[in-house]
Structures are given as C-alpha cells and as structure tokens.
Amino acid sequence: MFPDIFSEKPFLTILSCIIAYLIGSVSTGLIVAKAANGPDLRKVGSKNTGASNVQRTMGWKFGLITFAGDVTKGLLACLIGKLLTGHGVGAMLAGMMSVIGHNWPVFYGFRGGKGVATSCGVMCFCFPVPALICFALTIALIAWKRYISLGSMFMVTLYAFLVPLIDYSGLWKPFVICWCIMLAVICIGRHHANIVRLLNGTENKLGKKRLNGNAEERSDV
C-alpha cells in the first residue's frame, strides 16, 4: 500500500520538496559559464542553461562538467528526500521537485534547462536497474540517429514503461506509474520545439556544423 508520509511526516516531506526545488534551481550551467568567463547562456545559443547549450557555446569540457553537476542535483535531492522521510516515496517526490526547479528556477526568473541531466540523476537513484538500461539504449540511439532531443525523449518514455515491470516493494504501483508519466511529460513538454523540428526534418544532428549560426535548433539537457 501507499505509505502516507504526508500524515506520518508532513513537515519533513514538505521540507524535503522545498529543499529539492531549491537545489534544482541552482543553475550549474550559469555557474560554470561565470566561473570560466563564458557567455550568459540565456542570451546565446538556444538560450537554455542546460549542458547541451554549454557544450555548444563553451566546448565539451564545460558541457560535461555541467552535465555532471546537473545529474548530481537530482541524486542529492533524492538522497535528502529519502533521509528526511525515511521512504522511497520521499526520494521520488524530492527528485521530481529538483527537475521542476531545474526547468523553472526561482533564482533565475524561472528560465532554466530541459531537465534531462537532472532527470538522469533522479531516475538512477529511484530505480537504478531500468535507468541503466535506458541510459545504454539512449546512448546507442543517439550514436545512431545523432539527435540528442530524440534520445532524451526516448529515455524518459522507455523508463516509464520499464519501471512498472520491476518489483518495487513498499511502493504503491499507481503512484509509481503516475510519477514516471509525469517525469516523462515534463521532459517531453520541454522539447516541444524540438518535436516540431524533428517532424519537419530541420532538427540539427549532434556534431553537425551550423550553417547560419543559429543554435536554437539544437536540444538542451
């Protein structure tokens, strides 16, 4: 059955969600760009603060640092949720809030990234086995098709299908399914412009040089 952590530990549950949101709201990309004397990510490229925009405007080194930082945000948020509530549901709720914080950060005018890297951290903490399967297949898909946006949406969609197939003792199945769907919907929703370009055949591939200098046609994580 679904553990009623809101009645058992209401303050700690809410506190963990608030802390998780604030952790997610800390923009790794903007911090990295500032530390490296880079550009304001909100004014260049795709104007998102995710690792992909850092990579395309500042190089792979800083892009990977940003990606690692954003993944860590998701892991840390889940860990705090688990420690404060003593239950996996607390980790799942906190993880979701960290993704929301990354996408709509209170510290930066609610202009963030697309939550893919932070979602990776959350996915790995909450259900590591299906997460690792998703990561492997996503890397293979991106290597094949060269579309980061397509791989990102495939990853969260596959995760939503795989997680309900495993044994997660102590968790209420309808909650887990709804949580997975919400995680996928948030990510896919943030890629709405990429979906249009994929359908139109105008989405740029990983490693493809720009012809017009407009980086808005790429995907961000």
C-alpha atoms as a PDB file:
ATOM      1  CA  MET A   1       0.000   0.000   0.000  1.00  0.00           C
ATOM      2  CA  PHE A   2       0.971   3.632  -0.462  1.00  0.00           C
ATOM      3  CA  PRO A   3       2.734   4.893   2.696  1.00  0.00           C
ATOM      4  CA  ASP A   4       1.030   8.023   3.920  1.00  0.00           C
ATOM      5  CA  ILE A   5       4.181  10.011   4.534  1.00  0.00           C
ATOM      6  CA  PHE A   6       2.153  13.240   4.430  1.00  0.00           C
ATOM      7  CA  SER A   7       0.322  12.232   7.592  1.00  0.00           C
ATOM      8  CA  GLU A   8       3.310  10.482   9.180  1.00  0.00           C
ATOM      9  CA  LYS A   9       5.935  13.116   8.396  1.00  0.00           C
ATOM     10  CA  PRO A  10       4.145  16.053   6.781  1.00  0.00           C
ATOM     11  CA  PHE A  11       6.686  18.710   7.733  1.00  0.00           C
ATOM     12  CA  LEU A  12       9.695  16.663   6.658  1.00  0.00           C
ATOM     13  CA  THR A  13       8.018  15.684   3.387  1.00  0.00           C
ATOM     14  CA  ILE A  14       7.224  19.288   2.504  1.00  0.00           C
ATOM     15  CA  LEU A  15      10.658  20.424   3.699  1.00  0.00           C
ATOM     16  CA  SER A  16      12.416  17.862   1.526  1.00  0.00           C
ATOM     17  CA  CYS A  17      10.413  19.003  -1.510  1.00  0.00           C
ATOM     18  CA  ILE A  18      11.280  22.656  -0.865  1.00  0.00           C
ATOM     19  CA  ILE A  19      14.968  21.870  -0.402  1.00  0.00           C
ATOM     20  CA  ALA A  20      14.926  19.730  -3.548  1.00  0.00           C
ATOM     21  CA  TYR A  21      13.325  22.515  -5.579  1.00  0.00           C
ATOM     22  CA  LEU A  22      15.938  24.997  -4.371  1.00  0.00           C
ATOM     23  CA  ILE A  23      18.736  22.552  -5.214  1.00  0.00           C
ATOM     24  CA  GLY A  24      17.283  22.124  -8.685  1.00  0.00           C
ATOM     25  CA  SER A  25      17.030  25.895  -9.054  1.00  0.00           C
ATOM     26  CA  VAL A  26      20.795  26.279  -8.716  1.00  0.00           C
ATOM     27  CA  SER A  27      21.943  26.520 -12.329  1.00  0.00           C
ATOM     28  CA  THR A  28      25.119  24.531 -12.863  1.00  0.00           C
ATOM     29  CA  GLY A  29      25.383  25.905 -16.377  1.00  0.00           C
ATOM     30  CA  LEU A  30      25.306  29.549 -15.325  1.00  0.00           C
ATOM     31  CA  ILE A  31      27.794  28.898 -12.523  1.00  0.00           C
ATOM     32  CA  VAL A  32      30.181  27.107 -14.888  1.00  0.00           C
ATOM     33  CA  ALA A  33      29.842  29.834 -17.513  1.00  0.00           C
ATOM     34  CA  LYS A  34      30.526  32.566 -14.973  1.00  0.00           C
ATOM     35  CA  ALA A  35      33.498  30.744 -13.456  1.00  0.00           C
ATOM     36  CA  ALA A  36      35.009  30.231 -16.912  1.00  0.00           C
ATOM     37  CA  ASN A  37      34.276  33.798 -18.029  1.00  0.00           C
ATOM     38  CA  GLY A  38      31.866  32.412 -20.580  1.00  0.00           C
ATOM     39  CA  PRO A  39      28.751  33.995 -22.080  1.00  0.00           C
ATOM     40  CA  ASP A  40      25.359  34.444 -20.467  1.00  0.00           C
ATOM     41  CA  LEU A  41      23.706  31.199 -21.542  1.00  0.00           C
ATOM     42  CA  ARG A  42      20.299  32.866 -21.517  1.00  0.00           C
ATOM     43  CA  LYS A  43      21.422  35.142 -24.340  1.00  0.00           C
ATOM     44  CA  VAL A  44      23.335  32.759 -26.610  1.00  0.00           C
ATOM     45  CA  GLY A  45      22.667  29.547 -28.478  1.00  0.00           C
ATOM     46  CA  SER A  46      19.351  28.006 -27.527  1.00  0.00           C
ATOM     47  CA  LYS A  47      19.133  30.420 -24.568  1.00  0.00           C
ATOM     48  CA  ASN A  48      18.723  27.473 -22.197  1.00  0.00           C
ATOM     49  CA  THR A  49      21.022  26.807 -19.261  1.00  0.00           C
ATOM     50  CA  GLY A  50      21.436  23.078 -19.835  1.00  0.00           C
ATOM     51  CA  ALA A  51      24.594  21.118 -20.588  1.00  0.00           C
ATOM     52  CA  SER A  52      23.996  20.995 -24.357  1.00  0.00           C
ATOM     53  CA  ASN A  53      23.981  24.766 -24.662  1.00  0.00           C
ATOM     54  CA  VAL A  54      27.128  24.944 -22.521  1.00  0.00           C
ATOM     55  CA  GLN A  55      28.774  22.341 -24.754  1.00  0.00           C
ATOM     56  CA  ARG A  56      27.954  24.133 -27.989  1.00  0.00           C
ATOM     57  CA  THR A  57      28.933  27.587 -26.737  1.00  0.00           C
ATOM     58  CA  MET A  58      31.895  26.717 -24.495  1.00  0.00           C
ATOM     59  CA  GLY A  59      33.074  23.269 -25.551  1.00  0.00           C
ATOM     60  CA  TRP A  60      32.820  19.649 -24.434  1.00  0.00           C
ATOM     61  CA  LYS A  61      34.852  20.111 -21.247  1.00  0.00           C
ATOM     62  CA  PHE A  62      32.464  22.605 -19.707  1.00  0.00           C
ATOM     63  CA  GLY A  63      29.454  20.809 -21.148  1.00  0.00           C
ATOM     64  CA  LEU A  64      30.420  17.597 -19.367  1.00  0.00           C
ATOM     65  CA  ILE A  65      31.084  19.463 -16.118  1.00  0.00           C
ATOM     66  CA  THR A  66      27.623  20.998 -16.364  1.00  0.00           C
ATOM     67  CA  PHE A  67      26.047  17.637 -17.144  1.00  0.00           C
ATOM     68  CA  ALA A  68      27.724  16.029 -14.125  1.00  0.00           C
ATOM     69  CA  GLY A  69      26.608  18.894 -11.900  1.00  0.00           C
ATOM     70  CA  ASP A  70      23.002  18.647 -13.062  1.00  0.00           C
ATOM     71  CA  VAL A  71      22.965  14.867 -12.555  1.00  0.00           C
ATOM     72  CA  THR A  72      24.334  15.400  -9.049  1.00  0.00           C
ATOM     73  CA  LYS A  73      21.477  17.796  -8.291  1.00  0.00           C
ATOM     74  CA  GLY A  74      18.963  15.043  -8.962  1.00  0.00           C
ATOM     75  CA  LEU A  75      20.889  12.480  -6.915  1.00  0.00           C
ATOM     76  CA  LEU A  76      21.345  14.859  -3.989  1.00  0.00           C
ATOM     77  CA  ALA A  77      17.687  15.874  -3.964  1.00  0.00           C
ATOM     78  CA  CYS A  78      16.574  12.235  -3.877  1.00  0.00           C
ATOM     79  CA  LEU A  79      19.051  11.427  -1.121  1.00  0.00           C
ATOM     80  CA  ILE A  80      17.752  14.278   1.019  1.00  0.00           C
ATOM     81  CA  GLY A  81      14.166  13.194   0.394  1.00  0.00           C
ATOM     82  CA  LYS A  82      14.998   9.625   1.393  1.00  0.00           C
ATOM     83  CA  LEU A  83      16.905  10.655   4.533  1.00  0.00           C
ATOM     84  CA  LEU A  84      14.279  13.108   5.759  1.00  0.00           C
ATOM     85  CA  THR A  85      11.219  10.941   5.135  1.00  0.00           C
ATOM     86  CA  GLY A  86      12.791   7.528   5.518  1.00  0.00           C
ATOM     87  CA  HIS A  87      11.000   6.239   2.445  1.00  0.00           C
ATOM     88  CA  GLY A  88      11.476   5.865  -1.300  1.00  0.00           C
ATOM     89  CA  VAL A  89       8.369   7.944  -1.931  1.00  0.00           C
ATOM     90  CA  GLY A  90      10.124  10.878  -0.297  1.00  0.00           C
ATOM     91  CA  ALA A  91      13.043  10.405  -2.680  1.00  0.00           C
ATOM     92  CA  MET A  92      10.706  10.276  -5.672  1.00  0.00           C
ATOM     93  CA  LEU A  93       8.853  13.439  -4.684  1.00  0.00           C
ATOM     94  CA  ALA A  94      12.062  15.317  -3.936  1.00  0.00           C
ATOM     95  CA  GLY A  95      13.584  14.156  -7.215  1.00  0.00           C
ATOM     96  CA  MET A  96      10.592  15.412  -9.154  1.00  0.00           C
ATOM     97  CA  MET A  97      10.864  18.786  -7.442  1.00  0.00           C
ATOM     98  CA  SER A  98      14.550  19.053  -8.346  1.00  0.00           C
ATOM     99  CA  VAL A  99      13.660  18.573 -12.025  1.00  0.00           C
ATOM    100  CA  ILE A 100      10.973  21.234 -11.731  1.00  0.00           C
ATOM    101  CA  GLY A 101      13.490  23.520 -10.052  1.00  0.00           C
ATOM    102  CA  HIS A 102      16.000  22.953 -12.843  1.00  0.00           C
ATOM    103  CA  ASN A 103      13.443  23.733 -15.537  1.00  0.00           C
ATOM    104  CA  TRP A 104      11.841  26.683 -13.747  1.00  0.00           C
ATOM    105  CA  PRO A 105      14.461  28.025 -11.281  1.00  0.00           C
ATOM    106  CA  VAL A 106      13.285  30.625  -8.811  1.00  0.00           C
ATOM    107  CA  PHE A 107      16.780  32.166  -8.694  1.00  0.00           C
ATOM    108  CA  TYR A 108      16.906  32.910 -12.437  1.00  0.00           C
ATOM    109  CA  GLY A 109      13.485  34.210 -13.351  1.00  0.00           C
ATOM    110  CA  PHE A 110      12.106  30.691 -13.903  1.00  0.00           C
ATOM    111  CA  ARG A 111      14.202  30.297 -17.061  1.00  0.00           C
ATOM    112  CA  GLY A 112      16.104  27.022 -16.904  1.00  0.00           C
ATOM    113  CA  GLY A 113      17.013  23.972 -18.934  1.00  0.00           C
ATOM    114  CA  LYS A 114      15.027  20.973 -20.066  1.00  0.00           C
ATOM    115  CA  GLY A 115      15.728  18.737 -17.097  1.00  0.00           C
ATOM    116  CA  VAL A 116      17.267  15.772 -18.894  1.00  0.00           C
ATOM    117  CA  ALA A 117      20.514  15.567 -16.905  1.00  0.00           C
ATOM    118  CA  THR A 118      18.762  16.159 -13.589  1.00  0.00           C
ATOM    119  CA  SER A 119      16.181  13.538 -14.549  1.00  0.00           C
ATOM    120  CA  CYS A 120      19.042  11.092 -15.150  1.00  0.00           C
ATOM    121  CA  GLY A 121      20.151  11.522 -11.556  1.00  0.00           C
ATOM    122  CA  VAL A 122      16.613  11.069 -10.263  1.00  0.00           C
ATOM    123  CA  MET A 123      15.991   8.021 -12.436  1.00  0.00           C
ATOM    124  CA  CYS A 124      19.227   6.371 -11.319  1.00  0.00           C
ATOM    125  CA  PHE A 125      18.579   6.953  -7.614  1.00  0.00           C
ATOM    126  CA  CYS A 126      14.943   5.848  -7.562  1.00  0.00           C
ATOM    127  CA  PHE A 127      15.060   2.839  -9.907  1.00  0.00           C
ATOM    128  CA  PRO A 128      18.669   2.182 -10.954  1.00  0.00           C
ATOM    129  CA  VAL A 129      18.222  -1.035 -12.953  1.00  0.00           C
ATOM    130  CA  PRO A 130      15.709   0.317 -15.515  1.00  0.00           C
ATOM    131  CA  ALA A 131      17.621   3.605 -15.504  1.00  0.00           C
ATOM    132  CA  LEU A 132      20.860   1.915 -16.568  1.00  0.00           C
ATOM    133  CA  ILE A 133      19.010   0.029 -19.304  1.00  0.00           C
ATOM    134  CA  CYS A 134      17.524   3.309 -20.532  1.00  0.00           C
ATOM    135  CA  PHE A 135      20.908   5.047 -20.462  1.00  0.00           C
ATOM    136  CA  ALA A 136      22.563   2.312 -22.521  1.00  0.00           C
ATOM    137  CA  LEU A 137      19.825   2.223 -25.155  1.00  0.00           C
ATOM    138  CA  THR A 138      19.655   6.019 -25.279  1.00  0.00           C
ATOM    139  CA  ILE A 139      23.386   6.307 -25.916  1.00  0.00           C
ATOM    140  CA  ALA A 140      23.024   3.750 -28.698  1.00  0.00           C
ATOM    141  CA  LEU A 141      20.108   5.657 -30.241  1.00  0.00           C
ATOM    142  CA  ILE A 142      21.936   8.989 -30.130  1.00  0.00           C
ATOM    143  CA  ALA A 143      25.032   7.393 -31.642  1.00  0.00           C
ATOM    144  CA  TRP A 144      22.849   6.011 -34.431  1.00  0.00           C
ATOM    145  CA  LYS A 145      20.497   8.907 -35.165  1.00  0.00           C
ATOM    146  CA  ARG A 146      22.657  11.773 -33.809  1.00  0.00           C
ATOM    147  CA  TYR A 147      19.666  13.550 -32.268  1.00  0.00           C
ATOM    148  CA  ILE A 148      20.087  14.401 -28.571  1.00  0.00           C
ATOM    149  CA  SER A 149      16.480  15.555 -28.305  1.00  0.00           C
ATOM    150  CA  LEU A 150      15.139  12.294 -29.727  1.00  0.00           C
ATOM    151  CA  GLY A 151      17.347  10.281 -27.391  1.00  0.00           C
ATOM    152  CA  SER A 152      16.250  12.308 -24.372  1.00  0.00           C
ATOM    153  CA  MET A 153      12.556  11.793 -25.060  1.00  0.00           C
ATOM    154  CA  PHE A 154      13.113   8.118 -25.821  1.00  0.00           C
ATOM    155  CA  MET A 155      14.919   7.703 -22.494  1.00  0.00           C
ATOM    156  CA  VAL A 156      12.160   9.046 -20.267  1.00  0.00           C
ATOM    157  CA  THR A 157       9.452   7.271 -22.266  1.00  0.00           C
ATOM    158  CA  LEU A 158      11.213   3.905 -22.032  1.00  0.00           C
ATOM    159  CA  TYR A 159      11.767   4.476 -18.317  1.00  0.00           C
ATOM    160  CA  ALA A 160       8.032   4.986 -17.813  1.00  0.00           C
ATOM    161  CA  PHE A 161       7.415   1.607 -19.442  1.00  0.00           C
ATOM    162  CA  LEU A 162      10.205  -0.316 -17.697  1.00  0.00           C
ATOM    163  CA  VAL A 163       9.777   0.823 -14.096  1.00  0.00           C
ATOM    164  CA  PRO A 164       6.279  -0.694 -13.590  1.00  0.00           C
ATOM    165  CA  LEU A 165       7.691  -4.060 -14.715  1.00  0.00           C
ATOM    166  CA  ILE A 166      10.113  -4.385 -11.801  1.00  0.00           C
ATOM    167  CA  ASP A 167       9.435  -5.345  -8.182  1.00  0.00           C
ATOM    168  CA  TYR A 168       9.364  -2.239  -6.006  1.00  0.00           C
ATOM    169  CA  SER A 169       8.312  -3.496  -2.591  1.00  0.00           C
ATOM    170  CA  GLY A 170       6.688  -0.918  -0.327  1.00  0.00           C
ATOM    171  CA  LEU A 171       5.594   1.396  -3.139  1.00  0.00           C
ATOM    172  CA  TRP A 172       2.040   1.815  -4.376  1.00  0.00           C
ATOM    173  CA  LYS A 173       2.006   0.897  -8.077  1.00  0.00           C
ATOM    174  CA  PRO A 174      -0.450   3.600  -9.276  1.00  0.00           C
ATOM    175  CA  PHE A 175       1.731   6.255  -7.632  1.00  0.00           C
ATOM    176  CA  VAL A 176       4.878   4.895  -9.283  1.00  0.00           C
ATOM    177  CA  ILE A 177       3.199   4.829 -12.702  1.00  0.00           C
ATOM    178  CA  CYS A 178       1.887   8.391 -12.322  1.00  0.00           C
ATOM    179  CA  TRP A 179       5.306   9.567 -11.155  1.00  0.00           C
ATOM    180  CA  CYS A 180       7.019   8.015 -14.180  1.00  0.00           C
ATOM    181  CA  ILE A 181       4.464   9.509 -16.556  1.00  0.00           C
ATOM    182  CA  MET A 182       4.859  12.955 -15.004  1.00  0.00           C
ATOM    183  CA  LEU A 183       8.651  12.768 -15.275  1.00  0.00           C
ATOM    184  CA  ALA A 184       8.308  11.871 -18.959  1.00  0.00           C
ATOM    185  CA  VAL A 185       5.663  14.513 -19.673  1.00  0.00           C
ATOM    186  CA  ILE A 186       7.794  17.273 -18.145  1.00  0.00           C
ATOM    187  CA  CYS A 187      10.804  16.308 -20.252  1.00  0.00           C
ATOM    188  CA  ILE A 188       8.869  15.815 -23.493  1.00  0.00           C
ATOM    189  CA  GLY A 189       6.905  19.011 -22.920  1.00  0.00           C
ATOM    190  CA  ARG A 190      10.130  20.992 -22.639  1.00  0.00           C
ATOM    191  CA  HIS A 191      11.173  19.566 -26.012  1.00  0.00           C
ATOM    192  CA  HIS A 192       8.063  20.788 -27.861  1.00  0.00           C
ATOM    193  CA  ALA A 193      10.077  22.935 -30.261  1.00  0.00           C
ATOM    194  CA  ASN A 194      12.449  20.044 -30.940  1.00  0.00           C
ATOM    195  CA  ILE A 195       9.498  17.781 -31.743  1.00  0.00           C
ATOM    196  CA  VAL A 196       8.308  20.232 -34.383  1.00  0.00           C
ATOM    197  CA  ARG A 197      11.770  20.384 -35.934  1.00  0.00           C
ATOM    198  CA  LEU A 198      12.129  16.599 -35.871  1.00  0.00           C
ATOM    199  CA  LEU A 199       8.830  16.267 -37.712  1.00  0.00           C
ATOM    200  CA  ASN A 200       9.870  18.942 -40.202  1.00  0.00           C
ATOM    201  CA  GLY A 201      13.308  17.407 -40.698  1.00  0.00           C
ATOM    202  CA  THR A 202      15.068  20.588 -39.557  1.00  0.00           C
ATOM    203  CA  GLU A 203      16.458  19.399 -36.210  1.00  0.00           C
ATOM    204  CA  ASN A 204      20.239  19.563 -36.243  1.00  0.00           C
ATOM    205  CA  LYS A 205      22.263  16.450 -35.525  1.00  0.00           C
ATOM    206  CA  LEU A 206      24.964  16.037 -32.928  1.00  0.00           C
ATOM    207  CA  GLY A 207      28.309  17.150 -34.342  1.00  0.00           C
ATOM    208  CA  LYS A 208      26.795  18.866 -37.365  1.00  0.00           C
ATOM    209  CA  LYS A 209      28.280  22.289 -38.048  1.00  0.00           C
ATOM    210  CA  ARG A 210      25.906  25.222 -38.151  1.00  0.00           C
ATOM    211  CA  LEU A 211      25.402  26.999 -41.444  1.00  0.00           C
ATOM    212  CA  ASN A 212      23.549  30.026 -40.164  1.00  0.00           C
ATOM    213  CA  GLY A 213      24.921  30.415 -36.652  1.00  0.00           C
ATOM    214  CA  ASN A 214      21.504  29.974 -35.074  1.00  0.00           C
ATOM    215  CA  ALA A 215      21.878  27.419 -32.313  1.00  0.00           C
ATOM    216  CA  GLU A 216      18.275  27.485 -31.261  1.00  0.00           C
ATOM    217  CA  GLU A 217      17.618  24.411 -33.367  1.00  0.00           C
ATOM    218  CA  ARG A 218      19.531  22.114 -31.036  1.00  0.00           C
ATOM    219  CA  SER A 219      18.422  20.270 -27.935  1.00  0.00           C
ATOM    220  CA  ASP A 220      19.327  21.144 -24.365  1.00  0.00           C
ATOM    221  CA  VAL A 221      19.600  18.979 -21.292  1.00  0.00           C
END
